[in-house]
C-alpha atoms as a PDB file:
ATOM      1  CA  UNK A   1     110.588  82.149 123.291  1.00  0.00           C
ATOM      2  CA  UNK A   2     109.965  84.574 126.142  1.00  0.00           C
ATOM      3  CA  UNK A   3     108.641  88.132 126.243  1.00  0.00           C
ATOM      4  CA  UNK A   4     110.727  90.770 127.986  1.00  0.00           C
ATOM      5  CA  UNK A   5     111.296  94.525 127.924  1.00  0.00           C
ATOM      6  CA  UNK A   6     114.832  95.425 126.812  1.00  0.00           C
ATOM      7  CA  UNK A   7     117.315  97.811 128.284  1.00  0.00           C
ATOM      8  CA  UNK A   8     119.180 100.125 125.918  1.00  0.00           C
ATOM      9  CA  UNK A   9     118.878  99.183 122.239  1.00  0.00           C
ATOM     10  CA  UNK A  10     121.899 100.112 120.112  1.00  0.00           C
ATOM     11  CA  UNK A  11     121.072 100.592 116.406  1.00  0.00           C
ATOM     12  CA  UNK A  12     123.939 100.457 113.898  1.00  0.00           C
ATOM     13  CA  UNK A  13     123.378 102.098 110.534  1.00  0.00           C
ATOM     14  CA  UNK A  14     120.994 104.462 112.305  1.00  0.00           C
ATOM     15  CA  UNK A  15     121.087 107.175 109.646  1.00  0.00           C
ATOM     16  CA  UNK A  16     120.472 104.797 106.741  1.00  0.00           C
ATOM     17  CA  UNK A  17     117.212 104.479 104.847  1.00  0.00           C
ATOM     18  CA  UNK A  18     115.928 101.708 107.127  1.00  0.00           C
ATOM     19  CA  UNK A  19     117.849 102.826 110.210  1.00  0.00           C
ATOM     20  CA  UNK A  20     116.058 106.168 110.501  1.00  0.00           C
ATOM     21  CA  UNK A  21     112.717 104.384 110.614  1.00  0.00           C
ATOM     22  CA  UNK A  22     113.883 101.707 113.068  1.00  0.00           C
ATOM     23  CA  UNK A  23     115.169 104.353 115.497  1.00  0.00           C
ATOM     24  CA  UNK A  24     111.909 106.304 115.347  1.00  0.00           C
ATOM     25  CA  UNK A  25     109.735 103.188 115.650  1.00  0.00           C
ATOM     26  CA  UNK A  26     111.728 101.820 118.605  1.00  0.00           C
ATOM     27  CA  UNK A  27     111.544 105.113 120.520  1.00  0.00           C
ATOM     28  CA  UNK A  28     107.823 105.407 119.859  1.00  0.00           C
ATOM     29  CA  UNK A  29     107.416 101.855 121.175  1.00  0.00           C
ATOM     30  CA  UNK A  30     108.991 102.905 124.473  1.00  0.00           C
ATOM     31  CA  UNK A  31     112.552 101.612 124.033  1.00  0.00           C
ATOM     32  CA  UNK A  32     115.627 103.514 125.152  1.00  0.00           C
ATOM     33  CA  UNK A  33     117.624 103.798 121.941  1.00  0.00           C
ATOM     34  CA  UNK A  34     121.269 104.549 121.260  1.00  0.00           C
ATOM     35  CA  UNK A  35     121.700 105.521 117.603  1.00  0.00           C
ATOM     36  CA  UNK A  36     125.176 104.815 116.199  1.00  0.00           C
ATOM     37  CA  UNK A  37     126.193 107.333 113.526  1.00  0.00           C
ATOM     38  CA  UNK A  38     129.398 107.974 111.597  1.00  0.00           C
ATOM     39  CA  UNK A  39     132.093 110.229 113.109  1.00  0.00           C
ATOM     40  CA  UNK A  40     131.609 113.825 112.042  1.00  0.00           C
ATOM     41  CA  UNK A  41     127.843 113.515 111.678  1.00  0.00           C
ATOM     42  CA  UNK A  42     126.154 116.858 112.286  1.00  0.00           C
ATOM     43  CA  UNK A  43     123.585 116.312 115.070  1.00  0.00           C
ATOM     44  CA  UNK A  44     121.496 119.186 113.684  1.00  0.00           C
ATOM     45  CA  UNK A  45     120.945 117.171 110.507  1.00  0.00           C
ATOM     46  CA  UNK A  46     119.652 114.059 112.244  1.00  0.00           C
ATOM     47  CA  UNK A  47     115.935 113.550 111.636  1.00  0.00           C
ATOM     48  CA  UNK A  48     114.836 112.643 115.124  1.00  0.00           C
ATOM     49  CA  UNK A  49     115.293 115.857 117.042  1.00  0.00           C
ATOM     50  CA  UNK A  50     115.938 115.586 120.785  1.00  0.00           C
ATOM     51  CA  UNK A  51     114.149 112.954 122.812  1.00  0.00           C
ATOM     52  CA  UNK A  52     114.612 111.726 126.362  1.00  0.00           C
ATOM     53  CA  UNK A  53     114.724 108.091 125.193  1.00  0.00           C
ATOM     54  CA  UNK A  54     117.279 108.694 122.462  1.00  0.00           C
ATOM     55  CA  UNK A  55     121.062 108.955 122.685  1.00  0.00           C
ATOM     56  CA  UNK A  56     123.377 109.427 119.705  1.00  0.00           C
ATOM     57  CA  UNK A  57     126.936 108.044 119.620  1.00  0.00           C
ATOM     58  CA  UNK A  58     129.552 108.458 116.909  1.00  0.00           C
ATOM     59  CA  UNK A  59     131.628 105.419 115.952  1.00  0.00           C
ATOM     60  CA  UNK A  60     133.293 103.993 112.846  1.00  0.00           C
ATOM     61  CA  UNK A  61     132.425 100.314 112.418  1.00  0.00           C
ATOM     62  CA  UNK A  62     135.451  99.839 110.197  1.00  0.00           C
ATOM     63  CA  UNK A  63     137.730 100.631 113.135  1.00  0.00           C
ATOM     64  CA  UNK A  64     137.676  98.946 116.539  1.00  0.00           C
ATOM     65  CA  UNK A  65     138.742 102.130 118.269  1.00  0.00           C
ATOM     66  CA  UNK A  66     135.969 103.485 120.500  1.00  0.00           C
ATOM     67  CA  UNK A  67     133.515 100.764 119.423  1.00  0.00           C
ATOM     68  CA  UNK A  68     133.464  99.147 122.844  1.00  0.00           C
ATOM     69  CA  UNK A  69     132.562 102.453 124.447  1.00  0.00           C
ATOM     70  CA  UNK A  70     129.716 102.885 121.965  1.00  0.00           C
ATOM     71  CA  UNK A  71     128.348  99.402 122.691  1.00  0.00           C
ATOM     72  CA  UNK A  72     128.973  99.354 126.442  1.00  0.00           C
ATOM     73  CA  UNK A  73     125.749  99.448 128.454  1.00  0.00           C
ATOM     74  CA  UNK A  74     123.498  98.231 125.656  1.00  0.00           C
ATOM     75  CA  UNK A  75     121.236  95.243 126.223  1.00  0.00           C
ATOM     76  CA  UNK A  76     120.568  94.526 122.547  1.00  0.00           C
ATOM     77  CA  UNK A  77     122.258  95.448 119.285  1.00  0.00           C
ATOM     78  CA  UNK A  78     120.136  95.913 116.160  1.00  0.00           C
ATOM     79  CA  UNK A  79     122.636  95.575 113.332  1.00  0.00           C
ATOM     80  CA  UNK A  80     121.510  97.298 110.136  1.00  0.00           C
ATOM     81  CA  UNK A  81     124.796  98.696 108.835  1.00  0.00           C
ATOM     82  CA  UNK A  82     126.038  97.446 105.443  1.00  0.00           C
ATOM     83  CA  UNK A  83     127.742  98.979 102.418  1.00  0.00           C
ATOM     84  CA  UNK A  84     125.577  98.682  99.309  1.00  0.00           C
ATOM     85  CA  UNK A  85     127.734 100.478  96.740  1.00  0.00           C
ATOM     86  CA  UNK A  86     131.290 100.282  95.464  1.00  0.00           C
ATOM     87  CA  UNK A  87     133.510  97.351  94.526  1.00  0.00           C
ATOM     88  CA  UNK A  88     133.791  94.108  96.451  1.00  0.00           C
ATOM     89  CA  UNK A  89     136.632  95.361  98.651  1.00  0.00           C
ATOM     90  CA  UNK A  90     134.740  98.429  99.847  1.00  0.00           C
ATOM     91  CA  UNK A  91     131.572  96.419 100.440  1.00  0.00           C
ATOM     92  CA  UNK A  92     133.534  93.772 102.307  1.00  0.00           C
ATOM     93  CA  UNK A  93     135.095  96.408 104.564  1.00  0.00           C
ATOM     94  CA  UNK A  94     131.812  98.191 105.213  1.00  0.00           C
ATOM     95  CA  UNK A  95     129.792  95.014 105.782  1.00  0.00           C
ATOM     96  CA  UNK A  96     131.918  92.022 106.820  1.00  0.00           C
ATOM     97  CA  UNK A  97     134.813  93.754 108.579  1.00  0.00           C
ATOM     98  CA  UNK A  98     132.349  96.143 110.213  1.00  0.00           C
ATOM     99  CA  UNK A  99     130.321  93.214 111.549  1.00  0.00           C
ATOM    100  CA  UNK A 100     133.433  91.448 112.812  1.00  0.00           C
ATOM    101  CA  UNK A 101     134.434  94.600 114.698  1.00  0.00           C
ATOM    102  CA  UNK A 102     130.957  95.035 116.138  1.00  0.00           C
ATOM    103  CA  UNK A 103     130.779  91.443 117.378  1.00  0.00           C
ATOM    104  CA  UNK A 104     134.234  91.825 118.957  1.00  0.00           C
ATOM    105  CA  UNK A 105     133.061  94.979 120.749  1.00  0.00           C
ATOM    106  CA  UNK A 106     129.917  93.202 121.942  1.00  0.00           C
ATOM    107  CA  UNK A 107     132.002  90.325 123.316  1.00  0.00           C
ATOM    108  CA  UNK A 108     134.346  92.771 125.009  1.00  0.00           C
ATOM    109  CA  UNK A 109     131.579  94.393 127.060  1.00  0.00           C
ATOM    110  CA  UNK A 110     129.306  91.376 127.479  1.00  0.00           C
ATOM    111  CA  UNK A 111     126.440  92.232 125.106  1.00  0.00           C
ATOM    112  CA  UNK A 112     124.893  88.891 124.171  1.00  0.00           C
ATOM    113  CA  UNK A 113     121.799  89.727 122.170  1.00  0.00           C
ATOM    114  CA  UNK A 114     121.762  90.590 118.449  1.00  0.00           C
ATOM    115  CA  UNK A 115     118.931  91.380 116.043  1.00  0.00           C
ATOM    116  CA  UNK A 116     120.505  91.216 112.604  1.00  0.00           C
ATOM    117  CA  UNK A 117     119.284  92.537 109.244  1.00  0.00           C
ATOM    118  CA  UNK A 118     119.875  90.107 106.392  1.00  0.00           C
ATOM    119  CA  UNK A 119     118.250  90.114 102.945  1.00  0.00           C
ATOM    120  CA  UNK A 120     116.435  88.000 100.365  1.00  0.00           C
ATOM    121  CA  UNK A 121     119.671  88.207  98.364  1.00  0.00           C
ATOM    122  CA  UNK A 122     121.080  85.295 100.390  1.00  0.00           C
ATOM    123  CA  UNK A 123     118.577  82.861  98.835  1.00  0.00           C
ATOM    124  CA  UNK A 124     119.264  80.692  95.785  1.00  0.00           C
ATOM    125  CA  UNK A 125     116.020  81.613  94.058  1.00  0.00           C
ATOM    126  CA  UNK A 126     116.831  79.469  91.037  1.00  0.00           C
ATOM    127  CA  UNK A 127     116.463  76.353  93.208  1.00  0.00           C
ATOM    128  CA  UNK A 128     112.810  77.146  93.981  1.00  0.00           C
ATOM    129  CA  UNK A 129     110.364  75.834  91.336  1.00  0.00           C
ATOM    130  CA  UNK A 130     108.760  78.509  89.177  1.00  0.00           C
ATOM    131  CA  UNK A 131     105.543  79.517  90.911  1.00  0.00           C
ATOM    132  CA  UNK A 132     106.743  77.989  94.197  1.00  0.00           C
ATOM    133  CA  UNK A 133     107.019  79.684  97.570  1.00  0.00           C
ATOM    134  CA  UNK A 134     110.306  81.205  98.683  1.00  0.00           C
ATOM    135  CA  UNK A 135     110.346  81.024 102.478  1.00  0.00           C
ATOM    136  CA  UNK A 136     112.761  80.517 105.372  1.00  0.00           C
ATOM    137  CA  UNK A 137     113.284  76.859 104.400  1.00  0.00           C
ATOM    138  CA  UNK A 138     114.443  77.740 100.869  1.00  0.00           C
ATOM    139  CA  UNK A 139     118.118  77.008 100.115  1.00  0.00           C
ATOM    140  CA  UNK A 140     120.741  79.696 100.471  1.00  0.00           C
ATOM    141  CA  UNK A 141     123.105  80.538  97.644  1.00  0.00           C
ATOM    142  CA  UNK A 142     125.817  77.867  97.487  1.00  0.00           C
ATOM    143  CA  UNK A 143     127.934  79.497  94.765  1.00  0.00           C
ATOM    144  CA  UNK A 144     128.387  83.130  95.867  1.00  0.00           C
ATOM    145  CA  UNK A 145     130.883  83.898  93.100  1.00  0.00           C
ATOM    146  CA  UNK A 146     128.011  83.711  90.615  1.00  0.00           C
ATOM    147  CA  UNK A 147     126.244  86.546  92.413  1.00  0.00           C
ATOM    148  CA  UNK A 148     126.803  90.298  92.758  1.00  0.00           C
ATOM    149  CA  UNK A 149     129.088  91.721  95.486  1.00  0.00           C
ATOM    150  CA  UNK A 150     126.166  92.730  97.704  1.00  0.00           C
ATOM    151  CA  UNK A 151     124.844  89.164  97.862  1.00  0.00           C
ATOM    152  CA  UNK A 152     128.364  87.848  98.443  1.00  0.00           C
ATOM    153  CA  UNK A 153     129.111  90.051 101.438  1.00  0.00           C
ATOM    154  CA  UNK A 154     125.644  89.591 102.959  1.00  0.00           C
ATOM    155  CA  UNK A 155     126.104  85.805 102.781  1.00  0.00           C
ATOM    156  CA  UNK A 156     129.438  86.104 104.579  1.00  0.00           C
ATOM    157  CA  UNK A 157     127.964  88.513 107.115  1.00  0.00           C
ATOM    158  CA  UNK A 158     125.029  86.243 107.968  1.00  0.00           C
ATOM    159  CA  UNK A 159     127.306  83.219 108.318  1.00  0.00           C
ATOM    160  CA  UNK A 160     129.484  85.257 110.677  1.00  0.00           C
ATOM    161  CA  UNK A 161     126.659  86.233 113.022  1.00  0.00           C
ATOM    162  CA  UNK A 162     125.425  82.631 113.065  1.00  0.00           C
ATOM    163  CA  UNK A 163     128.870  81.408 114.111  1.00  0.00           C
ATOM    164  CA  UNK A 164     128.842  84.063 116.836  1.00  0.00           C
ATOM    165  CA  UNK A 165     125.496  82.734 118.081  1.00  0.00           C
ATOM    166  CA  UNK A 166     126.872  79.185 118.411  1.00  0.00           C
ATOM    167  CA  UNK A 167     128.291  80.130 121.812  1.00  0.00           C
ATOM    168  CA  UNK A 168     125.797  79.240 124.570  1.00  0.00           C
ATOM    169  CA  UNK A 169     124.056  82.213 126.157  1.00  0.00           C
ATOM    170  CA  UNK A 170     124.005  84.350 123.025  1.00  0.00           C
ATOM    171  CA  UNK A 171     120.692  85.317 121.431  1.00  0.00           C
ATOM    172  CA  UNK A 172     120.259  85.867 117.701  1.00  0.00           C
ATOM    173  CA  UNK A 173     117.294  86.945 115.616  1.00  0.00           C
ATOM    174  CA  UNK A 174     117.806  87.275 111.851  1.00  0.00           C
ATOM    175  CA  UNK A 175     115.311  89.267 109.811  1.00  0.00           C
ATOM    176  CA  UNK A 176     115.462  88.893 106.038  1.00  0.00           C
ATOM    177  CA  UNK A 177     113.437  91.689 104.419  1.00  0.00           C
ATOM    178  CA  UNK A 178     112.493  91.601 100.790  1.00  0.00           C
ATOM    179  CA  UNK A 179     113.305  94.715  98.787  1.00  0.00           C
ATOM    180  CA  UNK A 180     112.620  97.682 101.068  1.00  0.00           C
ATOM    181  CA  UNK A 181     110.860 100.605  99.434  1.00  0.00           C
ATOM    182  CA  UNK A 182     109.711 103.946 100.771  1.00  0.00           C
ATOM    183  CA  UNK A 183     109.982 107.721 100.316  1.00  0.00           C
ATOM    184  CA  UNK A 184     112.789 108.451  97.861  1.00  0.00           C
ATOM    185  CA  UNK A 185     113.289 104.737  97.166  1.00  0.00           C
ATOM    186  CA  UNK A 186     110.527 103.735  94.771  1.00  0.00           C
ATOM    187  CA  UNK A 187     112.122 102.820  91.427  1.00  0.00           C
ATOM    188  CA  UNK A 188     114.306  99.791  92.060  1.00  0.00           C
ATOM    189  CA  UNK A 189     116.271  96.901  90.575  1.00  0.00           C
ATOM    190  CA  UNK A 190     113.441  94.361  90.727  1.00  0.00           C
ATOM    191  CA  UNK A 191     111.696  96.298  87.963  1.00  0.00           C
ATOM    192  CA  UNK A 192     114.310  95.479  85.337  1.00  0.00           C
ATOM    193  CA  UNK A 193     117.916  95.494  84.129  1.00  0.00           C
ATOM    194  CA  UNK A 194     119.372  98.846  83.127  1.00  0.00           C
ATOM    195  CA  UNK A 195     120.796  98.513  79.631  1.00  0.00           C
ATOM    196  CA  UNK A 196     120.810 102.277  79.072  1.00  0.00           C
ATOM    197  CA  UNK A 197     119.682 105.028  81.477  1.00  0.00           C
ATOM    198  CA  UNK A 198     116.530 105.357  79.380  1.00  0.00           C
ATOM    199  CA  UNK A 199     116.035 101.632  78.661  1.00  0.00           C
ATOM    200  CA  UNK A 200     115.485  98.739  81.043  1.00  0.00           C
ATOM    201  CA  UNK A 201     114.737  95.122  80.184  1.00  0.00           C
ATOM    202  CA  UNK A 202     112.058  93.365  82.183  1.00  0.00           C
ATOM    203  CA  UNK A 203     111.266  89.639  82.462  1.00  0.00           C
ATOM    204  CA  UNK A 204     107.594  89.175  83.263  1.00  0.00           C
ATOM    205  CA  UNK A 205     104.932  91.845  83.796  1.00  0.00           C
ATOM    206  CA  UNK A 206     102.758  89.815  86.139  1.00  0.00           C
ATOM    207  CA  UNK A 207     105.548  88.576  88.395  1.00  0.00           C
ATOM    208  CA  UNK A 208     104.977  89.288  92.085  1.00  0.00           C
ATOM    209  CA  UNK A 209     107.448  91.704  93.664  1.00  0.00           C
ATOM    210  CA  UNK A 210     108.869  90.594  97.059  1.00  0.00           C
ATOM    211  CA  UNK A 211     108.807  94.038  98.671  1.00  0.00           C
ATOM    212  CA  UNK A 212     108.274  95.530 102.104  1.00  0.00           C
ATOM    213  CA  UNK A 213     107.330  99.117 102.922  1.00  0.00           C
ATOM    214  CA  UNK A 214     110.063 100.644 105.088  1.00  0.00           C
ATOM    215  CA  UNK A 215     107.751 101.409 108.029  1.00  0.00           C
ATOM    216  CA  UNK A 216     106.534  97.820 108.036  1.00  0.00           C
ATOM    217  CA  UNK A 217     110.107  96.560 108.187  1.00  0.00           C
ATOM    218  CA  UNK A 218     110.880  98.942 111.051  1.00  0.00           C
ATOM    219  CA  UNK A 219     107.809  97.637 112.885  1.00  0.00           C
ATOM    220  CA  UNK A 220     109.110  94.078 112.406  1.00  0.00           C
ATOM    221  CA  UNK A 221     112.411  94.962 114.087  1.00  0.00           C
ATOM    222  CA  UNK A 222     110.530  96.519 117.002  1.00  0.00           C
ATOM    223  CA  UNK A 223     108.377  93.395 117.310  1.00  0.00           C
ATOM    224  CA  UNK A 224     111.539  91.287 117.330  1.00  0.00           C
ATOM    225  CA  UNK A 225     112.826  93.340 120.273  1.00  0.00           C
ATOM    226  CA  UNK A 226     109.844  92.168 122.285  1.00  0.00           C
ATOM    227  CA  UNK A 227     110.856  88.496 121.973  1.00  0.00           C
ATOM    228  CA  UNK A 228     113.699  86.581 123.601  1.00  0.00           C
ATOM    229  CA  UNK A 229     114.433  83.568 121.396  1.00  0.00           C
ATOM    230  CA  UNK A 230     115.570  80.373 123.099  1.00  0.00           C
ATOM    231  CA  UNK A 231     117.408  79.469 119.879  1.00  0.00           C
ATOM    232  CA  UNK A 232     118.388  81.486 116.775  1.00  0.00           C
ATOM    233  CA  UNK A 233     115.299  82.621 114.861  1.00  0.00           C
ATOM    234  CA  UNK A 234     115.126  83.553 111.169  1.00  0.00           C
ATOM    235  CA  UNK A 235     112.113  85.261 109.581  1.00  0.00           C
ATOM    236  CA  UNK A 236     111.337  86.750 106.194  1.00  0.00           C
ATOM    237  CA  UNK A 237     109.691  90.171 106.060  1.00  0.00           C
ATOM    238  CA  UNK A 238     107.404  90.959 103.120  1.00  0.00           C
ATOM    239  CA  UNK A 239     104.145  92.848 102.851  1.00  0.00           C
ATOM    240  CA  UNK A 240     100.694  91.353 102.362  1.00  0.00           C
ATOM    241  CA  UNK A 241      98.989  91.358  98.938  1.00  0.00           C
ATOM    242  CA  UNK A 242     102.171  92.066  97.036  1.00  0.00           C
ATOM    243  CA  UNK A 243     101.794  93.902  93.710  1.00  0.00           C
ATOM    244  CA  UNK A 244     102.839  92.621  90.311  1.00  0.00           C
ATOM    245  CA  UNK A 245     105.582  94.353  88.367  1.00  0.00           C
ATOM    246  CA  UNK A 246     103.059  95.946  86.020  1.00  0.00           C
ATOM    247  CA  UNK A 247     100.804  97.249  88.763  1.00  0.00           C
ATOM    248  CA  UNK A 248     103.684  98.663  90.757  1.00  0.00           C
ATOM    249  CA  UNK A 249     105.479 100.243  87.791  1.00  0.00           C
ATOM    250  CA  UNK A 250     102.311 101.978  86.615  1.00  0.00           C
ATOM    251  CA  UNK A 251     101.670 103.312  90.121  1.00  0.00           C
ATOM    252  CA  UNK A 252     105.135 104.725  90.828  1.00  0.00           C
ATOM    253  CA  UNK A 253     106.115 105.970  87.354  1.00  0.00           C
ATOM    254  CA  UNK A 254     104.396 109.358  87.825  1.00  0.00           C
ATOM    255  CA  UNK A 255     106.065 109.729  91.236  1.00  0.00           C
ATOM    256  CA  UNK A 256     109.727 109.371  90.224  1.00  0.00           C
ATOM    257  CA  UNK A 257     112.140 111.486  88.218  1.00  0.00           C
ATOM    258  CA  UNK A 258     113.770 108.443  86.623  1.00  0.00           C
ATOM    259  CA  UNK A 259     111.284 106.984  84.173  1.00  0.00           C
ATOM    260  CA  UNK A 260     113.113 104.601  81.844  1.00  0.00           C
ATOM    261  CA  UNK A 261     111.247 102.666  79.233  1.00  0.00           C
ATOM    262  CA  UNK A 262     110.587  99.097  80.379  1.00  0.00           C
ATOM    263  CA  UNK A 263     110.906  96.628  77.496  1.00  0.00           C
ATOM    264  CA  UNK A 264     109.105  93.389  78.303  1.00  0.00           C
ATOM    265  CA  UNK A 265     110.691  90.218  76.943  1.00  0.00           C
ATOM    266  CA  UNK A 266     108.873  87.726  79.149  1.00  0.00           C
ATOM    267  CA  UNK A 267     110.550  85.438  81.647  1.00  0.00           C
ATOM    268  CA  UNK A 268     111.003  82.320  79.424  1.00  0.00           C
ATOM    269  CA  UNK A 269     112.483  84.277  76.513  1.00  0.00           C
ATOM    270  CA  UNK A 270     114.738  86.435  78.660  1.00  0.00           C
ATOM    271  CA  UNK A 271     115.909  83.403  80.650  1.00  0.00           C
ATOM    272  CA  UNK A 272     116.826  81.618  77.408  1.00  0.00           C
ATOM    273  CA  UNK A 273     118.751  84.651  76.166  1.00  0.00           C
ATOM    274  CA  UNK A 274     120.586  85.063  79.485  1.00  0.00           C
ATOM    275  CA  UNK A 275     121.628  81.401  79.487  1.00  0.00           C
ATOM    276  CA  UNK A 276     122.746  81.584  75.853  1.00  0.00           C
ATOM    277  CA  UNK A 277     124.872  84.679  76.445  1.00  0.00           C
ATOM    278  CA  UNK A 278     126.390  83.102  79.564  1.00  0.00           C
ATOM    279  CA  UNK A 279     127.264  79.956  77.600  1.00  0.00           C
ATOM    280  CA  UNK A 280     128.958  81.929  74.820  1.00  0.00           C
ATOM    281  CA  UNK A 281     130.765  84.109  77.339  1.00  0.00           C
ATOM    282  CA  UNK A 282     132.075  81.039  79.170  1.00  0.00           C
ATOM    283  CA  UNK A 283     133.018  78.856  76.204  1.00  0.00           C
ATOM    284  CA  UNK A 284     134.286  81.411  73.693  1.00  0.00           C
ATOM    285  CA  UNK A 285     135.270  84.483  75.694  1.00  0.00           C
ATOM    286  CA  UNK A 286     136.527  82.787  78.888  1.00  0.00           C
ATOM    287  CA  UNK A 287     134.199  84.980  80.931  1.00  0.00           C
ATOM    288  CA  UNK A 288     135.748  88.265  79.773  1.00  0.00           C
ATOM    289  CA  UNK A 289     132.406  89.811  78.798  1.00  0.00           C
ATOM    290  CA  UNK A 290     131.137  91.962  81.667  1.00  0.00           C
ATOM    291  CA  UNK A 291     127.355  91.944  81.651  1.00  0.00           C
ATOM    292  CA  UNK A 292     124.965  94.350  83.357  1.00  0.00           C
ATOM    293  CA  UNK A 293     123.697  93.163  86.722  1.00  0.00           C
ATOM    294  CA  UNK A 294     120.800  90.763  86.265  1.00  0.00           C
ATOM    295  CA  UNK A 295     121.937  89.451  82.868  1.00  0.00           C
ATOM    296  CA  UNK A 296     123.966  86.587  84.315  1.00  0.00           C
ATOM    297  CA  UNK A 297     122.022  83.414  85.214  1.00  0.00           C
ATOM    298  CA  UNK A 298     122.187  83.487  89.030  1.00  0.00           C
ATOM    299  CA  UNK A 299     121.529  87.245  89.458  1.00  0.00           C
ATOM    300  CA  UNK A 300     118.789  86.993  86.818  1.00  0.00           C
ATOM    301  CA  UNK A 301     116.955  84.276  88.755  1.00  0.00           C
ATOM    302  CA  UNK A 302     117.419  86.149  92.036  1.00  0.00           C
ATOM    303  CA  UNK A 303     115.694  89.221  90.611  1.00  0.00           C
ATOM    304  CA  UNK A 304     113.121  87.908  88.154  1.00  0.00           C
ATOM    305  CA  UNK A 305     112.150  84.301  88.868  1.00  0.00           C
ATOM    306  CA  UNK A 306     108.324  84.154  89.219  1.00  0.00           C
ATOM    307  CA  UNK A 307     107.785  83.049  92.811  1.00  0.00           C
ATOM    308  CA  UNK A 308     105.372  83.492  95.703  1.00  0.00           C
ATOM    309  CA  UNK A 309     106.221  84.798  99.166  1.00  0.00           C
ATOM    310  CA  UNK A 310     104.916  84.542 102.699  1.00  0.00           C
ATOM    311  CA  UNK A 311     105.287  86.381 106.004  1.00  0.00           C
ATOM    312  CA  UNK A 312     103.639  83.602 108.029  1.00  0.00           C
ATOM    313  CA  UNK A 313     106.654  82.901 110.195  1.00  0.00           C
ATOM    314  CA  UNK A 314     107.044  86.563 111.186  1.00  0.00           C
ATOM    315  CA  UNK A 315     103.393  86.635 112.195  1.00  0.00           C
ATOM    316  CA  UNK A 316     103.784  83.474 114.257  1.00  0.00           C
ATOM    317  CA  UNK A 317     107.154  84.346 115.835  1.00  0.00           C
ATOM    318  CA  UNK A 318     106.602  88.038 116.611  1.00  0.00           C
ATOM    319  CA  UNK A 319     102.901  88.724 116.188  1.00  0.00           C
ATOM    320  CA  UNK A 320     103.929  91.124 113.414  1.00  0.00           C
ATOM    321  CA  UNK A 321     101.720  92.107 110.519  1.00  0.00           C
ATOM    322  CA  UNK A 322     102.257  94.828 107.896  1.00  0.00           C
ATOM    323  CA  UNK A 323     100.661  98.046 109.094  1.00  0.00           C
ATOM    324  CA  UNK A 324     100.802  99.926 105.766  1.00  0.00           C
ATOM    325  CA  UNK A 325      99.410  98.165 102.705  1.00  0.00           C
ATOM    326  CA  UNK A 326      99.988  98.746  99.008  1.00  0.00           C
ATOM    327  CA  UNK A 327      98.788 101.003  97.404  1.00  0.00           C
ATOM    328  CA  UNK A 328      98.133 103.040 100.577  1.00  0.00           C
ATOM    329  CA  UNK A 329     101.904 103.115 101.051  1.00  0.00           C
ATOM    330  CA  UNK A 330     102.253 105.303  97.969  1.00  0.00           C
ATOM    331  CA  UNK A 331     100.142 107.970  99.631  1.00  0.00           C
ATOM    332  CA  UNK A 332     103.006 108.279 102.131  1.00  0.00           C
ATOM    333  CA  UNK A 333     105.767 108.114  99.522  1.00  0.00           C
ATOM    334  CA  UNK A 334     106.088 111.893  99.196  1.00  0.00           C
ATOM    335  CA  UNK A 335     106.714 112.238 102.935  1.00  0.00           C
ATOM    336  CA  UNK A 336     108.967 115.168 103.838  1.00  0.00           C
ATOM    337  CA  UNK A 337     110.526 113.442 106.832  1.00  0.00           C
ATOM    338  CA  UNK A 338     107.664 113.425 109.319  1.00  0.00           C
ATOM    339  CA  UNK A 339     107.647 109.624 109.356  1.00  0.00           C
ATOM    340  CA  UNK A 340     110.970 109.598 111.207  1.00  0.00           C
ATOM    341  CA  UNK A 341     110.680 112.793 113.251  1.00  0.00           C
ATOM    342  CA  UNK A 342     110.150 112.180 116.934  1.00  0.00           C
ATOM    343  CA  UNK A 343     108.729 115.616 117.612  1.00  0.00           C
ATOM    344  CA  UNK A 344     105.641 114.659 115.622  1.00  0.00           C
ATOM    345  CA  UNK A 345     103.395 111.593 115.737  1.00  0.00           C
ATOM    346  CA  UNK A 346     103.637 109.142 112.829  1.00  0.00           C
ATOM    347  CA  UNK A 347     101.184 109.661 110.019  1.00  0.00           C
ATOM    348  CA  UNK A 348      98.047 107.512 110.369  1.00  0.00           C
END
């Protein structure tokens, strides 16, 4: 791996939750950044303000028209764009088709370096022993149809960028963040399964949450820009000293509008119930029963299996370490946008 300053860095998904922070962090680190936003985006509503190192381009990743012009002249593409809501077809179009179009545009103008955002959702957590470490050597999901649409399309997307990187001369770095949390994104699916808006089921109060504060993840992408991998590199991104479910839920409950009751069943009991319901659904109902996300065996294990996590490889590969620790991160969780504004320094 070599160290080298990049030319223009194109960021897809630049106005997303993570994208806003990656753009700001990359500019502050001295990179020339081209932020890709959706057609029709009002520049006055972008959080960064005007900056000499920042250019904004409008392009629709679902259409190949004008994509080459948006990519042309970039040295590196940081690919963050993905569709996280909707049915499988809409997620496939906004994630897989979008990535296919972006890679085609990169090939068309000779851009050969990609820093790609994956996710912990690609792992088959149920294959890791309870209490074991989920890391970059852990197996990926081998039966995507048992998982939710987001995991399915992210698995396809990551496989696609890896096939792209098989061609000699192309550079690929894959970052797999745990669940990203930050201002406005504090109460999340790792805390439980929504049975009713006011009632969530939770398996295990002491289970460690594989999370990463959004600024820390943005810093990791900037660190990745400073490395030129000689072969494809994959790293997990999680914070240090991760909180348990109970500690985190108690800390954020006063800070969020949505405060459902968390009913604790315990991991062994809830796992037994999930497996029993799945067996009945398969044998007697031919799979017709549609269960809430997290109450089918594979999604349940992905969200609630008690595991441990490490960011050792990210430290070794990039020299990255989490800058904002828990619970200090929660002191920044009411941020009004200053964390991503470029006309103001980042909060200490």
